[in-house]
Each structure stands twice: as C-alpha cells, then as structure tokens.
Amino acid sequence: MRDYLEALRANKPKRGRKRTPDSIRRQIDAIAAKLAEADAVSELRLISERMHLETELANMGTGVDITDLQAEFVKVAKRYGERNHITYAAWREVGVPASVLSAAGIGRSA
C-alpha cells in the first residue's frame, strides 16, 4: 500500500512546461558559464544547482513501473480503507485513479 502511494506521489505530473534532457543540459551549460565569474557564495549556489540538475538528468527516463505495486494495492485497499475509515474522496485526493479504486472495489459511497 505504502509503496504504491509513494510511487504515485513520485510520478505525479508537474505543472508547467515539461523539462527535457536538452533543456536541462542547457541549464547546466549556463551554470558553467556563470561559474567563471561567480563570487564564493554564488559559486556554492551554482554548484548545488548544477548537482541537482545532473541528478535530475540522470534519473530521466527511469520511470517506475507501478503495475505490480498497483496490483498489490488493489488486493488490500478496500479492507485497509474500511478499517481506517478512508473515503473514496481521500483516495482520489492523494492521486489514486478512479479506475484503480473501482478495481479494488472502492466506490464513491465509501
């Protein structure tokens, strides 16, 4: 249950323009150009920003296949929700798709 909800959270679509590997590389290049003339504090900030961008770039395309997690969620979600008084609306608000709730036997009246 927890792993599925965490995977949903981690893969939630972000607002705004989608970042691409090329756009991230351009940002990294821009940082490299700024580093040459940066003062010590700015250098620290730029290096930190570059490291975050490099990590994001490395993790692109490594999306999690949540099929197995979803199947396990479907098996236990209804009982878990009933025991903990979790409503359909609460499940939806944390990002569980309506189709998954339906497969789990959780209806809008829950």
PDB file of N, CA and C in Angstrom:
ATOM      1  N   MET A   1       0.829  -1.177   0.000  1.00  0.00           N
ATOM      2  CA  MET A   1       0.000   0.000   0.000  1.00  0.00           C
ATOM      3  C   MET A   1       0.879   1.249   0.000  1.00  0.00           C
ATOM      4  N   ARG A   2       1.785   1.316   0.935  1.00  0.00           N
ATOM      5  CA  ARG A   2       2.649   2.489   1.064  1.00  0.00           C
ATOM      6  C   ARG A   2       3.507   2.690  -0.182  1.00  0.00           C
ATOM      7  N   ASP A   3       4.064   1.602  -0.695  1.00  0.00           N
ATOM      8  CA  ASP A   3       4.925   1.710  -1.878  1.00  0.00           C
ATOM      9  C   ASP A   3       4.149   2.251  -3.077  1.00  0.00           C
ATOM     10  N   TYR A   4       2.906   1.803  -3.240  1.00  0.00           N
ATOM     11  CA  TYR A   4       2.083   2.285  -4.351  1.00  0.00           C
ATOM     12  C   TYR A   4       1.801   3.775  -4.197  1.00  0.00           C
ATOM     13  N   LEU A   5       1.414   4.194  -3.001  1.00  0.00           N
ATOM     14  CA  LEU A   5       1.114   5.614  -2.772  1.00  0.00           C
ATOM     15  C   LEU A   5       2.364   6.472  -2.956  1.00  0.00           C
ATOM     16  N   GLU A   6       3.511   5.979  -2.514  1.00  0.00           N
ATOM     17  CA  GLU A   6       4.763   6.717  -2.707  1.00  0.00           C
ATOM     18  C   GLU A   6       5.111   6.814  -4.191  1.00  0.00           C
ATOM     19  N   ALA A   7       4.885   5.738  -4.941  1.00  0.00           N
ATOM     20  CA  ALA A   7       5.154   5.761  -6.383  1.00  0.00           C
ATOM     21  C   ALA A   7       4.241   6.756  -7.085  1.00  0.00           C
ATOM     22  N   LEU A   8       2.974   6.813  -6.662  1.00  0.00           N
ATOM     23  CA  LEU A   8       2.062   7.805  -7.235  1.00  0.00           C
ATOM     24  C   LEU A   8       2.566   9.215  -6.970  1.00  0.00           C
ATOM     25  N   ARG A   9       2.991   9.458  -5.753  1.00  0.00           N
ATOM     26  CA  ARG A   9       3.483  10.786  -5.380  1.00  0.00           C
ATOM     27  C   ARG A   9       4.733  11.151  -6.186  1.00  0.00           C
ATOM     28  N   ALA A  10       5.635  10.206  -6.316  1.00  0.00           N
ATOM     29  CA  ALA A  10       6.894  10.465  -7.022  1.00  0.00           C
ATOM     30  C   ALA A  10       6.683  10.700  -8.513  1.00  0.00           C
ATOM     31  N   ASN A  11       5.640  10.127  -9.066  1.00  0.00           N
ATOM     32  CA  ASN A  11       5.411  10.233 -10.508  1.00  0.00           C
ATOM     33  C   ASN A  11       4.269  11.178 -10.852  1.00  0.00           C
ATOM     34  N   LYS A  12       3.866  11.982  -9.903  1.00  0.00           N
ATOM     35  CA  LYS A  12       2.788  12.934 -10.154  1.00  0.00           C
ATOM     36  C   LYS A  12       3.241  13.951 -11.197  1.00  0.00           C
ATOM     37  N   PRO A  13       2.416  14.171 -12.213  1.00  0.00           N
ATOM     38  CA  PRO A  13       2.801  15.160 -13.230  1.00  0.00           C
ATOM     39  C   PRO A  13       2.990  16.539 -12.605  1.00  0.00           C
ATOM     40  N   LYS A  14       3.993  17.223 -13.079  1.00  0.00           N
ATOM     41  CA  LYS A  14       4.272  18.561 -12.559  1.00  0.00           C
ATOM     42  C   LYS A  14       3.660  19.606 -13.474  1.00  0.00           C
ATOM     43  N   ARG A  15       3.321  20.736 -12.909  1.00  0.00           N
ATOM     44  CA  ARG A  15       2.740  21.820 -13.680  1.00  0.00           C
ATOM     45  C   ARG A  15       3.797  22.492 -14.536  1.00  0.00           C
ATOM     46  N   GLY A  16       3.325  23.154 -15.578  1.00  0.00           N
ATOM     47  CA  GLY A  16       4.236  23.929 -16.406  1.00  0.00           C
ATOM     48  C   GLY A  16       4.821  23.119 -17.538  1.00  0.00           C
ATOM     49  N   ARG A  17       5.767  23.738 -18.201  1.00  0.00           N
ATOM     50  CA  ARG A  17       6.406  23.116 -19.351  1.00  0.00           C
ATOM     51  C   ARG A  17       7.232  21.913 -18.909  1.00  0.00           C
ATOM     52  N   LYS A  18       7.094  20.830 -19.646  1.00  0.00           N
ATOM     53  CA  LYS A  18       7.835  19.614 -19.321  1.00  0.00           C
ATOM     54  C   LYS A  18       9.322  19.820 -19.598  1.00  0.00           C
ATOM     55  N   ARG A  19      10.143  19.395 -18.660  1.00  0.00           N
ATOM     56  CA  ARG A  19      11.589  19.528 -18.815  1.00  0.00           C
ATOM     57  C   ARG A  19      12.099  18.389 -19.681  1.00  0.00           C
ATOM     58  N   THR A  20      13.032  18.711 -20.532  1.00  0.00           N
ATOM     59  CA  THR A  20      13.630  17.711 -21.412  1.00  0.00           C
ATOM     60  C   THR A  20      15.115  17.595 -21.089  1.00  0.00           C
ATOM     61  N   PRO A  21      15.740  16.507 -21.512  1.00  0.00           N
ATOM     62  CA  PRO A  21      17.185  16.396 -21.293  1.00  0.00           C
ATOM     63  C   PRO A  21      17.944  17.572 -21.910  1.00  0.00           C
ATOM     64  N   ASP A  22      17.503  18.017 -23.091  1.00  0.00           N
ATOM     65  CA  ASP A  22      18.183  19.148 -23.735  1.00  0.00           C
ATOM     66  C   ASP A  22      18.057  20.431 -22.922  1.00  0.00           C
ATOM     67  N   SER A  23      16.866  20.683 -22.371  1.00  0.00           N
ATOM     68  CA  SER A  23      16.693  21.915 -21.594  1.00  0.00           C
ATOM     69  C   SER A  23      17.523  21.868 -20.315  1.00  0.00           C
ATOM     70  N   ILE A  24      17.649  20.697 -19.723  1.00  0.00           N
ATOM     71  CA  ILE A  24      18.468  20.564 -18.513  1.00  0.00           C
ATOM     72  C   ILE A  24      19.944  20.746 -18.859  1.00  0.00           C
ATOM     73  N   ARG A  25      20.383  20.175 -19.977  1.00  0.00           N
ATOM     74  CA  ARG A  25      21.787  20.358 -20.396  1.00  0.00           C
ATOM     75  C   ARG A  25      22.093  21.831 -20.655  1.00  0.00           C
ATOM     76  N   ARG A  26      21.136  22.553 -21.249  1.00  0.00           N
ATOM     77  CA  ARG A  26      21.337  23.991 -21.485  1.00  0.00           C
ATOM     78  C   ARG A  26      21.491  24.730 -20.160  1.00  0.00           C
ATOM     79  N   GLN A  27      20.703  24.355 -19.173  1.00  0.00           N
ATOM     80  CA  GLN A  27      20.831  24.993 -17.856  1.00  0.00           C
ATOM     81  C   GLN A  27      22.198  24.697 -17.241  1.00  0.00           C
ATOM     82  N   ILE A  28      22.650  23.464 -17.373  1.00  0.00           N
ATOM     83  CA  ILE A  28      23.967  23.094 -16.843  1.00  0.00           C
ATOM     84  C   ILE A  28      25.062  23.893 -17.543  1.00  0.00           C
ATOM     85  N   ASP A  29      24.944  24.049 -18.855  1.00  0.00           N
ATOM     86  CA  ASP A  29      25.925  24.844 -19.613  1.00  0.00           C
ATOM     87  C   ASP A  29      25.913  26.308 -19.164  1.00  0.00           C
ATOM     88  N   ALA A  30      24.720  26.845 -18.926  1.00  0.00           N
ATOM     89  CA  ALA A  30      24.603  28.232 -18.472  1.00  0.00           C
ATOM     90  C   ALA A  30      25.257  28.408 -17.104  1.00  0.00           C
ATOM     91  N   ILE A  31      25.101  27.425 -16.250  1.00  0.00           N
ATOM     92  CA  ILE A  31      25.733  27.477 -14.931  1.00  0.00           C
ATOM     93  C   ILE A  31      27.249  27.456 -15.073  1.00  0.00           C
ATOM     94  N   ALA A  32      27.763  26.610 -15.960  1.00  0.00           N
ATOM     95  CA  ALA A  32      29.213  26.535 -16.173  1.00  0.00           C
ATOM     96  C   ALA A  32      29.768  27.890 -16.603  1.00  0.00           C
ATOM     97  N   ALA A  33      29.025  28.585 -17.441  1.00  0.00           N
ATOM     98  CA  ALA A  33      29.470  29.907 -17.899  1.00  0.00           C
ATOM     99  C   ALA A  33      29.462  30.914 -16.748  1.00  0.00           C
ATOM    100  N   LYS A  34      28.477  30.840 -15.877  1.00  0.00           N
ATOM    101  CA  LYS A  34      28.382  31.770 -14.751  1.00  0.00           C
ATOM    102  C   LYS A  34      29.444  31.486 -13.690  1.00  0.00           C
ATOM    103  N   LEU A  35      29.853  30.233 -13.570  1.00  0.00           N
ATOM    104  CA  LEU A  35      30.824  29.867 -12.532  1.00  0.00           C
ATOM    105  C   LEU A  35      32.152  30.597 -12.691  1.00  0.00           C
ATOM    106  N   ALA A  36      32.539  30.883 -13.901  1.00  0.00           N
ATOM    107  CA  ALA A  36      33.831  31.534 -14.149  1.00  0.00           C
ATOM    108  C   ALA A  36      33.928  32.894 -13.472  1.00  0.00           C
ATOM    109  N   GLU A  37      32.801  33.579 -13.311  1.00  0.00           N
ATOM    110  CA  GLU A  37      32.826  34.932 -12.750  1.00  0.00           C
ATOM    111  C   GLU A  37      32.084  35.046 -11.417  1.00  0.00           C
ATOM    112  N   ALA A  38      31.721  33.927 -10.835  1.00  0.00           N
ATOM    113  CA  ALA A  38      30.919  33.958  -9.614  1.00  0.00           C
ATOM    114  C   ALA A  38      31.777  34.209  -8.375  1.00  0.00           C
ATOM    115  N   ASP A  39      31.181  34.939  -7.417  1.00  0.00           N
ATOM    116  CA  ASP A  39      31.850  35.083  -6.120  1.00  0.00           C
ATOM    117  C   ASP A  39      31.669  33.768  -5.355  1.00  0.00           C
ATOM    118  N   ALA A  40      32.267  33.656  -4.200  1.00  0.00           N
ATOM    119  CA  ALA A  40      32.297  32.389  -3.463  1.00  0.00           C
ATOM    120  C   ALA A  40      30.897  31.871  -3.118  1.00  0.00           C
ATOM    121  N   VAL A  41      30.027  32.745  -2.659  1.00  0.00           N
ATOM    122  CA  VAL A  41      28.681  32.327  -2.273  1.00  0.00           C
ATOM    123  C   VAL A  41      27.873  31.925  -3.505  1.00  0.00           C
ATOM    124  N   SER A  42      27.977  32.706  -4.561  1.00  0.00           N
ATOM    125  CA  SER A  42      27.283  32.371  -5.802  1.00  0.00           C
ATOM    126  C   SER A  42      27.803  31.063  -6.378  1.00  0.00           C
ATOM    127  N   GLU A  43      29.104  30.849  -6.267  1.00  0.00           N
ATOM    128  CA  GLU A  43      29.687  29.598  -6.754  1.00  0.00           C
ATOM    129  C   GLU A  43      29.073  28.407  -6.031  1.00  0.00           C
ATOM    130  N   LEU A  44      28.938  28.509  -4.725  1.00  0.00           N
ATOM    131  CA  LEU A  44      28.339  27.437  -3.934  1.00  0.00           C
ATOM    132  C   LEU A  44      26.907  27.161  -4.403  1.00  0.00           C
ATOM    133  N   ARG A  45      26.128  28.207  -4.567  1.00  0.00           N
ATOM    134  CA  ARG A  45      24.738  28.064  -5.004  1.00  0.00           C
ATOM    135  C   ARG A  45      24.664  27.448  -6.395  1.00  0.00           C
ATOM    136  N   LEU A  46      25.508  27.910  -7.309  1.00  0.00           N
ATOM    137  CA  LEU A  46      25.511  27.396  -8.679  1.00  0.00           C
ATOM    138  C   LEU A  46      25.933  25.925  -8.732  1.00  0.00           C
ATOM    139  N   ILE A  47      26.932  25.572  -7.948  1.00  0.00           N
ATOM    140  CA  ILE A  47      27.378  24.172  -7.915  1.00  0.00           C
ATOM    141  C   ILE A  47      26.255  23.284  -7.378  1.00  0.00           C
ATOM    142  N   SER A  48      25.577  23.740  -6.348  1.00  0.00           N
ATOM    143  CA  SER A  48      24.460  22.976  -5.805  1.00  0.00           C
ATOM    144  C   SER A  48      23.356  22.805  -6.847  1.00  0.00           C
ATOM    145  N   GLU A  49      23.023  23.883  -7.534  1.00  0.00           N
ATOM    146  CA  GLU A  49      22.005  23.828  -8.579  1.00  0.00           C
ATOM    147  C   GLU A  49      22.431  22.872  -9.692  1.00  0.00           C
ATOM    148  N   ARG A  50      23.693  22.933 -10.097  1.00  0.00           N
ATOM    149  CA  ARG A  50      24.203  22.034 -11.137  1.00  0.00           C
ATOM    150  C   ARG A  50      24.090  20.582 -10.704  1.00  0.00           C
ATOM    151  N   MET A  51      24.411  20.303  -9.454  1.00  0.00           N
ATOM    152  CA  MET A  51      24.333  18.929  -8.948  1.00  0.00           C
ATOM    153  C   MET A  51      22.894  18.411  -8.981  1.00  0.00           C
ATOM    154  N   HIS A  52      21.940  19.258  -8.609  1.00  0.00           N
ATOM    155  CA  HIS A  52      20.525  18.862  -8.659  1.00  0.00           C
ATOM    156  C   HIS A  52      20.102  18.576 -10.100  1.00  0.00           C
ATOM    157  N   LEU A  53      20.539  19.418 -11.018  1.00  0.00           N
ATOM    158  CA  LEU A  53      20.194  19.226 -12.430  1.00  0.00           C
ATOM    159  C   LEU A  53      20.818  17.948 -12.979  1.00  0.00           C
ATOM    160  N   GLU A  54      22.056  17.669 -12.608  1.00  0.00           N
ATOM    161  CA  GLU A  54      22.717  16.449 -13.070  1.00  0.00           C
ATOM    162  C   GLU A  54      21.997  15.209 -12.537  1.00  0.00           C
ATOM    163  N   THR A  55      21.543  15.263 -11.297  1.00  0.00           N
ATOM    164  CA  THR A  55      20.785  14.150 -10.728  1.00  0.00           C
ATOM    165  C   THR A  55      19.459  13.978 -11.466  1.00  0.00           C
ATOM    166  N   GLU A  56      18.770  15.089 -11.727  1.00  0.00           N
ATOM    167  CA  GLU A  56      17.510  15.032 -12.465  1.00  0.00           C
ATOM    168  C   GLU A  56      17.730  14.440 -13.853  1.00  0.00           C
ATOM    169  N   LEU A  57      18.786  14.864 -14.519  1.00  0.00           N
ATOM    170  CA  LEU A  57      19.102  14.368 -15.853  1.00  0.00           C
ATOM    171  C   LEU A  57      19.385  12.865 -15.816  1.00  0.00           C
ATOM    172  N   ALA A  58      20.130  12.430 -14.824  1.00  0.00           N
ATOM    173  CA  ALA A  58      20.461  11.005 -14.701  1.00  0.00           C
ATOM    174  C   ALA A  58      19.224  10.157 -14.435  1.00  0.00           C
ATOM    175  N   ASN A  59      18.249  10.728 -13.741  1.00  0.00           N
ATOM    176  CA  ASN A  59      17.043   9.974 -13.388  1.00  0.00           C
ATOM    177  C   ASN A  59      15.951  10.043 -14.442  1.00  0.00           C
ATOM    178  N   MET A  60      16.141  10.851 -15.463  1.00  0.00           N
ATOM    179  CA  MET A  60      15.123  10.952 -16.513  1.00  0.00           C
ATOM    180  C   MET A  60      15.019   9.627 -17.241  1.00  0.00           C
ATOM    181  N   GLY A  61      13.809   9.246 -17.546  1.00  0.00           N
ATOM    182  CA  GLY A  61      13.600   8.011 -18.286  1.00  0.00           C
ATOM    183  C   GLY A  61      13.680   6.763 -17.438  1.00  0.00           C
ATOM    184  N   THR A  62      13.847   6.942 -16.138  1.00  0.00           N
ATOM    185  CA  THR A  62      13.880   5.780 -15.258  1.00  0.00           C
ATOM    186  C   THR A  62      12.584   5.707 -14.468  1.00  0.00           C
ATOM    187  N   GLY A  63      11.481   5.922 -15.171  1.00  0.00           N
ATOM    188  CA  GLY A  63      10.171   5.879 -14.529  1.00  0.00           C
ATOM    189  C   GLY A  63       9.919   4.527 -13.887  1.00  0.00           C
ATOM    190  N   VAL A  64       9.166   4.547 -12.844  1.00  0.00           N
ATOM    191  CA  VAL A  64       8.869   3.342 -12.100  1.00  0.00           C
ATOM    192  C   VAL A  64       7.659   2.656 -12.724  1.00  0.00           C
ATOM    193  N   ASP A  65       7.757   1.353 -12.942  1.00  0.00           N
ATOM    194  CA  ASP A  65       6.616   0.580 -13.403  1.00  0.00           C
ATOM    195  C   ASP A  65       5.823   0.206 -12.156  1.00  0.00           C
ATOM    196  N   ILE A  66       4.666   0.816 -12.027  1.00  0.00           N
ATOM    197  CA  ILE A  66       3.892   0.602 -10.800  1.00  0.00           C
ATOM    198  C   ILE A  66       2.849  -0.498 -10.949  1.00  0.00           C
ATOM    199  N   THR A  67       2.917  -1.265 -12.019  1.00  0.00           N
ATOM    200  CA  THR A  67       1.930  -2.315 -12.266  1.00  0.00           C
ATOM    201  C   THR A  67       1.838  -3.296 -11.104  1.00  0.00           C
ATOM    202  N   ASP A  68       2.977  -3.797 -10.647  1.00  0.00           N
ATOM    203  CA  ASP A  68       2.965  -4.759  -9.536  1.00  0.00           C
ATOM    204  C   ASP A  68       2.486  -4.109  -8.245  1.00  0.00           C
ATOM    205  N   LEU A  69       2.943  -2.873  -8.004  1.00  0.00           N
ATOM    206  CA  LEU A  69       2.506  -2.162  -6.798  1.00  0.00           C
ATOM    207  C   LEU A  69       1.004  -1.922  -6.831  1.00  0.00           C
ATOM    208  N   GLN A  70       0.501  -1.582  -8.014  1.00  0.00           N
ATOM    209  CA  GLN A  70      -0.928  -1.330  -8.167  1.00  0.00           C
ATOM    210  C   GLN A  70      -1.725  -2.606  -7.909  1.00  0.00           C
ATOM    211  N   ALA A  71      -1.257  -3.728  -8.411  1.00  0.00           N
ATOM    212  CA  ALA A  71      -1.950  -4.998  -8.195  1.00  0.00           C
ATOM    213  C   ALA A  71      -2.027  -5.331  -6.707  1.00  0.00           C
ATOM    214  N   GLU A  72      -0.955  -5.110  -5.992  1.00  0.00           N
ATOM    215  CA  GLU A  72      -0.966  -5.349  -4.542  1.00  0.00           C
ATOM    216  C   GLU A  72      -1.907  -4.376  -3.832  1.00  0.00           C
ATOM    217  N   PHE A  73      -1.891  -3.125  -4.269  1.00  0.00           N
ATOM    218  CA  PHE A  73      -2.784  -2.118  -3.696  1.00  0.00           C
ATOM    219  C   PHE A  73      -4.234  -2.558  -3.855  1.00  0.00           C
ATOM    220  N   VAL A  74      -4.585  -2.998  -5.053  1.00  0.00           N
ATOM    221  CA  VAL A  74      -5.968  -3.423  -5.340  1.00  0.00           C
ATOM    222  C   VAL A  74      -6.387  -4.549  -4.398  1.00  0.00           C
ATOM    223  N   LYS A  75      -5.466  -5.434  -4.073  1.00  0.00           N
ATOM    224  CA  LYS A  75      -5.781  -6.565  -3.185  1.00  0.00           C
ATOM    225  C   LYS A  75      -6.127  -6.117  -1.769  1.00  0.00           C
ATOM    226  N   VAL A  76      -5.491  -5.073  -1.265  1.00  0.00           N
ATOM    227  CA  VAL A  76      -5.624  -4.732   0.158  1.00  0.00           C
ATOM    228  C   VAL A  76      -6.330  -3.413   0.449  1.00  0.00           C
ATOM    229  N   ALA A  77      -6.517  -2.583  -0.547  1.00  0.00           N
ATOM    230  CA  ALA A  77      -7.003  -1.219  -0.301  1.00  0.00           C
ATOM    231  C   ALA A  77      -8.389  -1.167   0.320  1.00  0.00           C
ATOM    232  N   LYS A  78      -9.298  -1.993  -0.147  1.00  0.00           N
ATOM    233  CA  LYS A  78     -10.669  -1.927   0.369  1.00  0.00           C
ATOM    234  C   LYS A  78     -10.701  -2.225   1.869  1.00  0.00           C
ATOM    235  N   ARG A  79     -10.081  -3.326   2.268  1.00  0.00           N
ATOM    236  CA  ARG A  79     -10.068  -3.665   3.703  1.00  0.00           C
ATOM    237  C   ARG A  79      -9.348  -2.596   4.515  1.00  0.00           C
ATOM    238  N   TYR A  80      -8.224  -2.130   3.996  1.00  0.00           N
ATOM    239  CA  TYR A  80      -7.464  -1.088   4.699  1.00  0.00           C
ATOM    240  C   TYR A  80      -8.318   0.171   4.859  1.00  0.00           C
ATOM    241  N   GLY A  81      -8.962   0.574   3.782  1.00  0.00           N
ATOM    242  CA  GLY A  81      -9.810   1.766   3.817  1.00  0.00           C
ATOM    243  C   GLY A  81     -10.967   1.634   4.792  1.00  0.00           C
ATOM    244  N   GLU A  82     -11.583   0.463   4.812  1.00  0.00           N
ATOM    245  CA  GLU A  82     -12.700   0.241   5.741  1.00  0.00           C
ATOM    246  C   GLU A  82     -12.223   0.292   7.190  1.00  0.00           C
ATOM    247  N   ARG A  83     -11.102  -0.363   7.482  1.00  0.00           N
ATOM    248  CA  ARG A  83     -10.570  -0.365   8.857  1.00  0.00           C
ATOM    249  C   ARG A  83     -10.180   1.029   9.328  1.00  0.00           C
ATOM    250  N   ASN A  84      -9.695   1.860   8.385  1.00  0.00           N
ATOM    251  CA  ASN A  84      -9.189   3.181   8.756  1.00  0.00           C
ATOM    252  C   ASN A  84     -10.117   4.328   8.360  1.00  0.00           C
ATOM    253  N   HIS A  85     -11.329   3.989   7.933  1.00  0.00           N
ATOM    254  CA  HIS A  85     -12.344   4.992   7.576  1.00  0.00           C
ATOM    255  C   HIS A  85     -11.845   5.978   6.519  1.00  0.00           C
ATOM    256  N   ILE A  86     -11.206   5.444   5.486  1.00  0.00           N
ATOM    257  CA  ILE A  86     -10.694   6.272   4.398  1.00  0.00           C
ATOM    258  C   ILE A  86     -11.742   6.333   3.300  1.00  0.00           C
ATOM    259  N   THR A  87     -12.122   7.524   2.946  1.00  0.00           N
ATOM    260  CA  THR A  87     -13.170   7.716   1.945  1.00  0.00           C
ATOM    261  C   THR A  87     -12.617   7.662   0.526  1.00  0.00           C
ATOM    262  N   TYR A  88     -13.536   7.452  -0.397  1.00  0.00           N
ATOM    263  CA  TYR A  88     -13.207   7.493  -1.825  1.00  0.00           C
ATOM    264  C   TYR A  88     -12.536   8.826  -2.159  1.00  0.00           C
ATOM    265  N   ALA A  89     -13.109   9.908  -1.643  1.00  0.00           N
ATOM    266  CA  ALA A  89     -12.564  11.241  -1.927  1.00  0.00           C
ATOM    267  C   ALA A  89     -11.122  11.381  -1.427  1.00  0.00           C
ATOM    268  N   ALA A  90     -10.823  10.798  -0.279  1.00  0.00           N
ATOM    269  CA  ALA A  90      -9.458  10.864   0.257  1.00  0.00           C
ATOM    270  C   ALA A  90      -8.489  10.098  -0.644  1.00  0.00           C
ATOM    271  N   TRP A  91      -8.905   8.910  -1.090  1.00  0.00           N
ATOM    272  CA  TRP A  91      -8.059   8.150  -2.014  1.00  0.00           C
ATOM    273  C   TRP A  91      -7.786   8.970  -3.269  1.00  0.00           C
ATOM    274  N   ARG A  92      -8.831   9.576  -3.802  1.00  0.00           N
ATOM    275  CA  ARG A  92      -8.680  10.350  -5.035  1.00  0.00           C
ATOM    276  C   ARG A  92      -7.760  11.556  -4.817  1.00  0.00           C
ATOM    277  N   GLU A  93      -7.896  12.194  -3.668  1.00  0.00           N
ATOM    278  CA  GLU A  93      -7.088  13.389  -3.410  1.00  0.00           C
ATOM    279  C   GLU A  93      -5.599  13.077  -3.348  1.00  0.00           C
ATOM    280  N   VAL A  94      -5.237  11.885  -2.897  1.00  0.00           N
ATOM    281  CA  VAL A  94      -3.813  11.533  -2.873  1.00  0.00           C
ATOM    282  C   VAL A  94      -3.337  10.991  -4.211  1.00  0.00           C
ATOM    283  N   GLY A  95      -4.247  10.931  -5.191  1.00  0.00           N
ATOM    284  CA  GLY A  95      -3.818  10.591  -6.546  1.00  0.00           C
ATOM    285  C   GLY A  95      -4.149   9.203  -7.040  1.00  0.00           C
ATOM    286  N   VAL A  96      -4.900   8.427  -6.270  1.00  0.00           N
ATOM    287  CA  VAL A  96      -5.268   7.091  -6.740  1.00  0.00           C
ATOM    288  C   VAL A  96      -6.321   7.247  -7.834  1.00  0.00           C
ATOM    289  N   PRO A  97      -6.062   6.714  -9.025  1.00  0.00           N
ATOM    290  CA  PRO A  97      -7.027   6.846 -10.124  1.00  0.00           C
ATOM    291  C   PRO A  97      -8.352   6.143  -9.812  1.00  0.00           C
ATOM    292  N   ALA A  98      -9.426   6.699 -10.345  1.00  0.00           N
ATOM    293  CA  ALA A  98     -10.758   6.123 -10.135  1.00  0.00           C
ATOM    294  C   ALA A  98     -10.805   4.674 -10.617  1.00  0.00           C
ATOM    295  N   SER A  99     -10.128   4.371 -11.716  1.00  0.00           N
ATOM    296  CA  SER A  99     -10.145   3.003 -12.248  1.00  0.00           C
ATOM    297  C   SER A  99      -9.496   2.012 -11.277  1.00  0.00           C
ATOM    298  N   VAL A 100      -8.474   2.450 -10.569  1.00  0.00           N
ATOM    299  CA  VAL A 100      -7.806   1.583  -9.593  1.00  0.00           C
ATOM    300  C   VAL A 100      -8.719   1.366  -8.393  1.00  0.00           C
ATOM    301  N   LEU A 101      -9.386   2.422  -7.951  1.00  0.00           N
ATOM    302  CA  LEU A 101     -10.329   2.277  -6.840  1.00  0.00           C
ATOM    303  C   LEU A 101     -11.461   1.339  -7.217  1.00  0.00           C
ATOM    304  N   SER A 102     -11.954   1.464  -8.433  1.00  0.00           N
ATOM    305  CA  SER A 102     -13.005   0.579  -8.901  1.00  0.00           C
ATOM    306  C   SER A 102     -12.541  -0.868  -8.894  1.00  0.00           C
ATOM    307  N   ALA A 103     -11.314  -1.105  -9.374  1.00  0.00           N
ATOM    308  CA  ALA A 103     -10.761  -2.453  -9.386  1.00  0.00           C
ATOM    309  C   ALA A 103     -10.603  -3.009  -7.976  1.00  0.00           C
ATOM    310  N   ALA A 104     -10.373  -2.119  -7.017  1.00  0.00           N
ATOM    311  CA  ALA A 104     -10.229  -2.527  -5.621  1.00  0.00           C
ATOM    312  C   ALA A 104     -11.575  -2.717  -4.933  1.00  0.00           C
ATOM    313  N   GLY A 105     -12.660  -2.348  -5.629  1.00  0.00           N
ATOM    314  CA  GLY A 105     -13.992  -2.493  -5.038  1.00  0.00           C
ATOM    315  C   GLY A 105     -14.362  -1.312  -4.163  1.00  0.00           C
ATOM    316  N   ILE A 106     -13.711  -0.188  -4.359  1.00  0.00           N
ATOM    317  CA  ILE A 106     -13.989   1.014  -3.575  1.00  0.00           C
ATOM    318  C   ILE A 106     -14.823   1.941  -4.433  1.00  0.00           C
ATOM    319  N   GLY A 107     -16.061   2.168  -3.988  1.00  0.00           N
ATOM    320  CA  GLY A 107     -16.958   3.037  -4.747  1.00  0.00           C
ATOM    321  C   GLY A 107     -17.054   4.412  -4.131  1.00  0.00           C
ATOM    322  N   ARG A 108     -17.742   5.289  -4.827  1.00  0.00           N
ATOM    323  CA  ARG A 108     -17.894   6.673  -4.352  1.00  0.00           C
ATOM    324  C   ARG A 108     -18.593   6.768  -3.003  1.00  0.00           C
ATOM    325  N   SER A 109     -19.381   5.775  -2.675  1.00  0.00           N
ATOM    326  CA  SER A 109     -20.086   5.809  -1.390  1.00  0.00           C
ATOM    327  C   SER A 109     -19.184   5.457  -0.222  1.00  0.00           C
ATOM    328  N   ALA A 110     -17.960   5.015  -0.527  1.00  0.00           N
ATOM    329  CA  ALA A 110     -17.022   4.619   0.550  1.00  0.00           C
ATOM    330  C   ALA A 110     -16.449   5.849   1.232  1.00  0.00           C
TER     331      ALA A 110
END
